[in-house]
Amino acid sequence: MNLNDIEIFARVAATGSMTEAAQELRLSPAVVSKSIKRLESGLGARLLQRTTRRVMLTETGRGYYERILPVLAGAEEAQAFVEGRTSAVRGRLRVSAPTSFGRMHIAPHLATFMNAHAALQIELLLNDSFVDIVAEGFDVAIRIGELSDSTLVARKLAPVRRVLCAAPAYVARMGQPETLAALDRHVCLPAHNGEHWKLEGPEGPVALRPEGRLVTNSSEVIREAVLAGMGIALRSTWDIGPELAEGRLVQILPDYESPDDVGLFAVYPSRNFLPEKVRLFIDFLARLYAPASYWDKGA
């Protein structure tokens, strides 16, 4: 079986397009098509369902794709070992991250990492939707919250503190709530209606379901709303740490914060044969954010 054919199939599966895969691999579409046909013929199974616009994985193709990723990663790691270039990684690193966090806490530090690894290309895609990193061909995803059970591997990079906060102008106008129950008489700014605010307080874990007048799918809109004095929000300190330190926001009900299991995680497909480029990037972020995240200093 030709490893090049497998690599071409993986790129087609990740992009959903033979044309895009051909462009990324600097091959002609005809060569890519021929490679896929050769692989399917050798396996005796159809891996891709072709339409006029896109190609989609068949059920067999998806299972095959999920199983070849560790093989490709192992081949890359083996080549790096033989060539003795673990500190000179090459190729492309595809990273998925939440929009605000990626803009605020990944993008400003990319120059440092990329200067240290000049032969590495990084593709950083920012998206607040849940991303299937296997199906979409990502090497690693940065995720924030409580990590659910998954077949993926996760490494915790840093704890995440979420605090209730408001602008001083709002507190001056509406007063400071003294209890959680008092929040019912205040304007709350959930990221979307129906969101649960999970907190840990003196009585243990509690969950609120605040209703807000402002409805949005953008966390950044909520950030601007709380800064403008429109109400009380539950925000991560990585998002509003400087504003807390400068007094542009004040913490509300400081005895209540997010549970300890809320964290910042790097998620990747397999623990086996972890590509060196992925390991180096995750190690870089871990050193950057932990053990005491810089955004909490002085907050």
Protein backbone atom coordinates (compact mmCIF):
# COMPACT_ATOMS: atom_id res chain seq x y z
CA MET A 1 0.00 0.00 0.00
CA ASN A 2 1.33 3.43 -1.01
CA LEU A 3 1.76 5.84 1.90
CA ASN A 4 1.52 8.77 -0.50
CA ASP A 5 -1.95 7.60 -1.52
CA ILE A 6 -2.98 7.48 2.12
CA GLU A 7 -1.66 11.00 2.72
CA ILE A 8 -3.53 12.30 -0.32
CA PHE A 9 -6.74 10.63 0.86
CA ALA A 10 -6.32 12.20 4.31
CA ARG A 11 -5.97 15.66 2.79
CA VAL A 12 -9.04 15.14 0.57
CA ALA A 13 -11.01 13.95 3.61
CA ALA A 14 -9.90 16.99 5.63
CA THR A 15 -10.73 19.55 2.94
CA GLY A 16 -13.78 17.84 1.45
CA SER A 17 -12.49 18.71 -2.00
CA MET A 18 -10.09 17.05 -4.43
CA THR A 19 -9.32 20.44 -5.97
CA GLU A 20 -8.43 22.02 -2.61
CA ALA A 21 -6.38 18.98 -1.62
CA ALA A 22 -4.53 19.15 -4.94
CA GLN A 23 -3.75 22.84 -4.39
CA GLU A 24 -2.49 22.26 -0.85
CA LEU A 25 -0.34 19.29 -1.95
CA ARG A 26 0.80 21.09 -5.13
CA LEU A 27 -0.47 18.29 -7.32
CA SER A 28 -2.85 18.26 -10.25
CA PRO A 29 -6.48 17.23 -9.62
CA ALA A 30 -5.96 14.36 -12.03
CA VAL A 31 -3.09 12.97 -9.93
CA VAL A 32 -5.20 13.25 -6.75
CA SER A 33 -8.16 11.51 -8.41
CA LYS A 34 -5.96 8.73 -9.72
CA SER A 35 -4.41 8.26 -6.27
CA ILE A 36 -7.84 7.94 -4.61
CA LYS A 37 -9.00 5.40 -7.20
CA ARG A 38 -5.81 3.40 -6.69
CA LEU A 39 -6.29 3.38 -2.91
CA GLU A 40 -9.97 2.37 -3.16
CA SER A 41 -9.09 -0.37 -5.65
CA GLY A 42 -6.39 -1.73 -3.37
CA LEU A 43 -8.73 -1.73 -0.37
CA GLY A 44 -11.68 -3.04 -2.33
CA ALA A 45 -13.97 -0.42 -0.80
CA ARG A 46 -15.39 3.00 -1.65
CA LEU A 47 -13.99 5.64 0.69
CA LEU A 48 -15.45 8.79 -0.83
CA GLN A 49 -18.88 9.72 -2.17
CA ARG A 50 -18.39 12.18 -5.02
CA THR A 51 -20.86 14.94 -5.94
CA THR A 52 -20.57 17.79 -8.42
CA ARG A 53 -19.39 20.18 -5.67
CA ARG A 54 -17.80 18.15 -2.91
CA VAL A 55 -16.61 14.76 -1.85
CA MET A 56 -17.87 13.21 1.37
CA LEU A 57 -16.61 10.31 3.40
CA THR A 58 -18.58 7.10 3.23
CA GLU A 59 -19.11 5.24 6.50
CA THR A 60 -16.16 3.02 5.59
CA GLY A 61 -14.14 6.06 4.58
CA ARG A 62 -14.72 7.81 7.91
CA GLY A 63 -13.64 4.71 9.85
CA TYR A 64 -10.58 4.34 7.65
CA TYR A 65 -9.70 8.05 8.04
CA GLU A 66 -9.90 7.91 11.84
CA ARG A 67 -7.58 4.88 11.88
CA ILE A 68 -4.94 6.21 9.48
CA LEU A 69 -4.34 9.45 11.38
CA PRO A 70 -2.16 7.73 14.02
CA VAL A 71 -0.33 5.93 11.19
CA LEU A 72 0.45 9.18 9.41
CA ALA A 73 1.47 10.82 12.67
CA GLY A 74 3.74 7.86 13.41
CA ALA A 75 5.34 8.08 9.97
CA GLU A 76 6.03 11.77 10.52
CA GLU A 77 7.50 11.11 13.96
CA ALA A 78 9.65 8.28 12.61
CA GLN A 79 10.96 10.46 9.82
CA ALA A 80 11.78 13.22 12.30
CA PHE A 81 13.65 10.71 14.46
CA VAL A 82 15.69 9.36 11.54
CA GLU A 83 16.54 12.80 10.26
CA GLY A 84 17.38 14.01 13.76
CA ARG A 85 15.35 17.16 13.33
CA THR A 86 13.01 17.19 16.32
CA SER A 87 13.90 20.84 16.88
CA ALA A 88 13.42 21.73 13.20
CA VAL A 89 9.86 20.59 12.56
CA ARG A 90 8.38 21.18 9.13
CA GLY A 91 5.03 21.03 7.46
CA ARG A 92 1.72 22.55 8.47
CA LEU A 93 0.11 22.66 11.91
CA ARG A 94 -3.69 23.09 11.84
CA VAL A 95 -5.06 24.60 15.06
CA SER A 96 -8.67 25.30 16.06
CA ALA A 97 -9.43 27.73 18.89
CA PRO A 98 -12.32 29.82 20.26
CA THR A 99 -12.55 33.22 18.58
CA SER A 100 -11.91 35.57 21.51
CA PHE A 101 -9.30 33.41 23.22
CA GLY A 102 -7.45 32.81 19.98
CA ARG A 103 -7.37 36.51 19.17
CA MET A 104 -6.33 37.57 22.67
CA HIS A 105 -4.05 34.78 23.89
CA ILE A 106 -2.77 32.77 20.93
CA ALA A 107 -2.29 35.24 18.09
CA PRO A 108 -0.04 37.64 20.07
CA HIS A 109 2.37 34.79 20.90
CA LEU A 110 2.57 33.10 17.49
CA ALA A 111 5.59 35.11 16.41
CA THR A 112 7.65 33.70 19.28
CA PHE A 113 6.74 30.11 18.43
CA MET A 114 7.09 30.52 14.68
CA ASN A 115 10.45 32.27 14.99
CA ALA A 116 11.69 29.25 16.94
CA HIS A 117 10.40 26.89 14.24
CA ALA A 118 10.97 28.72 10.99
CA ALA A 119 10.14 25.74 8.74
CA LEU A 120 6.69 25.25 10.27
CA GLN A 121 3.51 26.70 8.77
CA ILE A 122 0.57 27.34 11.10
CA GLU A 123 -3.07 27.45 10.05
CA LEU A 124 -5.08 28.94 12.94
CA LEU A 125 -8.86 28.83 12.52
CA LEU A 126 -10.99 30.65 15.08
CA ASN A 127 -14.52 29.37 15.59
CA ASP A 128 -16.86 29.32 18.58
CA SER A 129 -18.73 26.28 17.26
CA PHE A 130 -17.79 22.74 18.28
CA VAL A 131 -15.27 21.43 15.76
CA ASP A 132 -14.84 17.77 14.86
CA ILE A 133 -11.07 17.84 14.73
CA VAL A 134 -10.78 14.39 13.18
CA ALA A 135 -13.29 14.98 10.39
CA GLU A 136 -11.96 18.46 9.66
CA GLY A 137 -8.31 17.52 9.76
CA PHE A 138 -7.08 19.58 12.73
CA ASP A 139 -3.92 18.59 14.55
CA VAL A 140 -5.00 20.18 17.83
CA ALA A 141 -7.94 22.17 19.22
CA ILE A 142 -7.96 24.56 22.16
CA ARG A 143 -11.13 24.18 24.22
CA ILE A 144 -12.46 25.95 27.31
CA GLY A 145 -14.91 24.58 29.85
CA GLU A 146 -15.68 21.25 31.44
CA LEU A 147 -14.25 18.55 29.23
CA SER A 148 -16.79 15.86 28.42
CA ASP A 149 -15.94 12.21 27.89
CA SER A 150 -14.34 11.74 24.50
CA THR A 151 -12.24 9.42 22.41
CA LEU A 152 -9.86 12.35 22.00
CA VAL A 153 -6.87 13.01 24.22
CA ALA A 154 -6.79 16.19 26.31
CA ARG A 155 -4.07 18.00 28.22
CA LYS A 156 -5.05 20.71 30.70
CA LEU A 157 -3.06 23.84 30.00
CA ALA A 158 -4.40 26.09 32.76
CA PRO A 159 -7.32 26.53 35.15
CA VAL A 160 -10.07 28.91 34.05
CA ARG A 161 -11.71 31.26 36.55
CA ARG A 162 -15.15 32.57 35.75
CA VAL A 163 -16.48 35.38 37.92
CA LEU A 164 -19.64 37.43 38.11
CA CYS A 165 -18.83 41.01 37.19
CA ALA A 166 -20.36 44.37 36.31
CA ALA A 167 -19.23 47.89 35.50
CA PRO A 168 -19.05 50.38 38.40
CA ALA A 169 -21.68 52.50 36.62
CA TYR A 170 -24.13 49.61 36.74
CA VAL A 171 -23.47 48.98 40.45
CA ALA A 172 -23.93 52.68 41.19
CA ARG A 173 -27.24 52.66 39.33
CA MET A 174 -28.69 49.30 40.43
CA GLY A 175 -26.83 48.46 43.63
CA GLN A 176 -24.72 45.46 44.60
CA PRO A 177 -26.61 42.13 44.94
CA GLU A 178 -25.92 40.51 48.31
CA THR A 179 -27.18 36.99 47.48
CA LEU A 180 -27.61 34.80 44.44
CA ALA A 181 -31.38 35.14 44.81
CA ALA A 182 -31.02 38.91 44.45
CA LEU A 183 -29.79 38.41 40.87
CA ASP A 184 -33.45 37.94 39.90
CA ARG A 185 -33.89 41.68 40.47
CA HIS A 186 -30.90 42.58 38.30
CA VAL A 187 -30.18 42.68 34.60
CA CYS A 188 -28.17 39.59 33.70
CA LEU A 189 -26.22 39.10 30.50
CA PRO A 190 -26.05 35.39 29.66
CA ALA A 191 -24.19 34.53 26.45
CA HIS A 192 -27.51 33.15 25.20
CA ASN A 193 -30.90 32.63 26.83
CA GLY A 194 -31.09 29.19 28.39
CA GLU A 195 -27.41 29.21 29.38
CA HIS A 196 -26.69 27.81 32.85
CA TRP A 197 -24.29 29.65 35.13
CA LYS A 198 -22.47 26.95 37.10
CA LEU A 199 -20.84 28.28 40.25
CA GLU A 200 -19.16 27.03 43.40
CA GLY A 201 -20.00 28.82 46.62
CA PRO A 202 -20.02 28.38 50.41
CA GLU A 203 -22.93 25.94 50.11
CA GLY A 204 -21.30 23.95 47.31
CA PRO A 205 -22.12 23.82 43.61
CA VAL A 206 -25.06 25.87 42.35
CA ALA A 207 -26.55 26.42 38.91
CA LEU A 208 -28.52 29.45 37.74
CA ARG A 209 -30.43 29.97 34.54
CA PRO A 210 -30.56 33.73 34.06
CA GLU A 211 -32.79 35.28 31.43
CA GLY A 212 -31.50 38.31 29.59
CA ARG A 213 -33.00 41.00 27.38
CA LEU A 214 -29.97 40.91 25.10
CA VAL A 215 -29.85 37.84 22.88
CA THR A 216 -26.70 37.20 20.88
CA ASN A 217 -24.52 34.34 19.66
CA SER A 218 -21.38 36.40 20.28
CA SER A 219 -19.45 36.23 23.52
CA GLU A 220 -17.65 39.42 22.49
CA VAL A 221 -20.97 41.30 22.33
CA ILE A 222 -21.66 40.28 25.95
CA ARG A 223 -18.17 41.48 26.88
CA GLU A 224 -18.87 44.91 25.40
CA ALA A 225 -22.31 45.01 27.03
CA VAL A 226 -20.99 44.40 30.54
CA LEU A 227 -18.25 47.00 30.02
CA ALA A 228 -20.92 49.46 28.90
CA GLY A 229 -22.79 49.00 32.19
CA MET A 230 -25.74 47.08 30.77
CA GLY A 231 -25.79 44.37 33.44
CA ILE A 232 -24.08 41.50 35.25
CA ALA A 233 -22.22 38.80 33.32
CA LEU A 234 -20.29 35.62 34.08
CA ARG A 235 -16.92 36.07 32.39
CA SER A 236 -13.58 34.29 32.36
CA THR A 237 -10.67 36.21 33.82
CA TRP A 238 -8.65 35.52 30.66
CA ASP A 239 -11.26 37.71 28.98
CA ILE A 240 -11.63 40.54 31.51
CA GLY A 241 -8.52 40.29 33.76
CA PRO A 242 -7.11 43.74 32.84
CA GLU A 243 -10.52 45.38 33.27
CA LEU A 244 -10.83 43.91 36.77
CA ALA A 245 -7.31 45.05 37.65
CA GLU A 246 -7.97 48.57 36.34
CA GLY A 247 -11.36 48.87 38.06
CA ARG A 248 -13.34 49.09 34.82
CA LEU A 249 -15.21 46.04 36.10
CA VAL A 250 -15.86 44.90 39.66
CA GLN A 251 -16.49 41.37 40.87
CA ILE A 252 -20.03 40.63 42.02
CA LEU A 253 -20.66 38.09 44.81
CA PRO A 254 -16.95 37.19 45.12
CA ASP A 255 -17.73 34.07 47.17
CA TYR A 256 -19.07 32.48 43.97
CA GLU A 257 -16.82 31.46 41.10
CA SER A 258 -16.72 28.71 38.50
CA PRO A 259 -15.95 25.14 39.66
CA ASP A 260 -12.37 23.91 39.66
CA ASP A 261 -13.02 21.46 36.81
CA VAL A 262 -13.43 24.31 34.32
CA GLY A 263 -10.17 24.59 32.42
CA LEU A 264 -8.27 25.37 29.28
CA PHE A 265 -7.45 22.22 27.33
CA ALA A 266 -5.45 21.18 24.30
CA VAL A 267 -7.31 18.36 22.56
CA TYR A 268 -5.81 16.09 19.90
CA PRO A 269 -6.78 12.83 18.20
CA SER A 270 -4.34 10.26 19.61
CA ARG A 271 -1.82 9.81 22.39
CA ASN A 272 0.14 7.36 20.25
CA PHE A 273 2.61 8.74 17.74
CA LEU A 274 1.98 12.35 18.69
CA PRO A 275 3.62 14.45 15.94
CA GLU A 276 6.54 16.50 17.17
CA LYS A 277 5.01 19.73 15.83
CA VAL A 278 1.88 19.12 17.95
CA ARG A 279 3.86 18.28 21.08
CA LEU A 280 6.05 21.37 20.70
CA PHE A 281 3.03 23.65 20.25
CA ILE A 282 1.17 22.22 23.24
CA ASP A 283 4.32 22.45 25.40
CA PHE A 284 4.73 26.08 24.31
CA LEU A 285 1.19 26.97 25.38
CA ALA A 286 1.53 25.06 28.65
CA ARG A 287 4.65 27.05 29.56
CA LEU A 288 2.95 30.27 28.52
CA TYR A 289 -0.25 29.83 30.53
CA ALA A 290 0.74 27.75 33.56
CA PRO A 291 1.12 27.33 36.44
CA ALA A 292 -0.15 30.85 37.22
CA SER A 293 -1.92 32.28 34.18
CA TYR A 294 -0.66 35.76 33.39
CA TRP A 295 -4.19 37.11 32.92
CA ASP A 296 -4.98 36.51 36.62
CA LYS A 297 -2.01 38.44 37.93
CA GLY A 298 -3.25 41.59 39.58
CA ALA A 299 -6.89 40.78 38.79
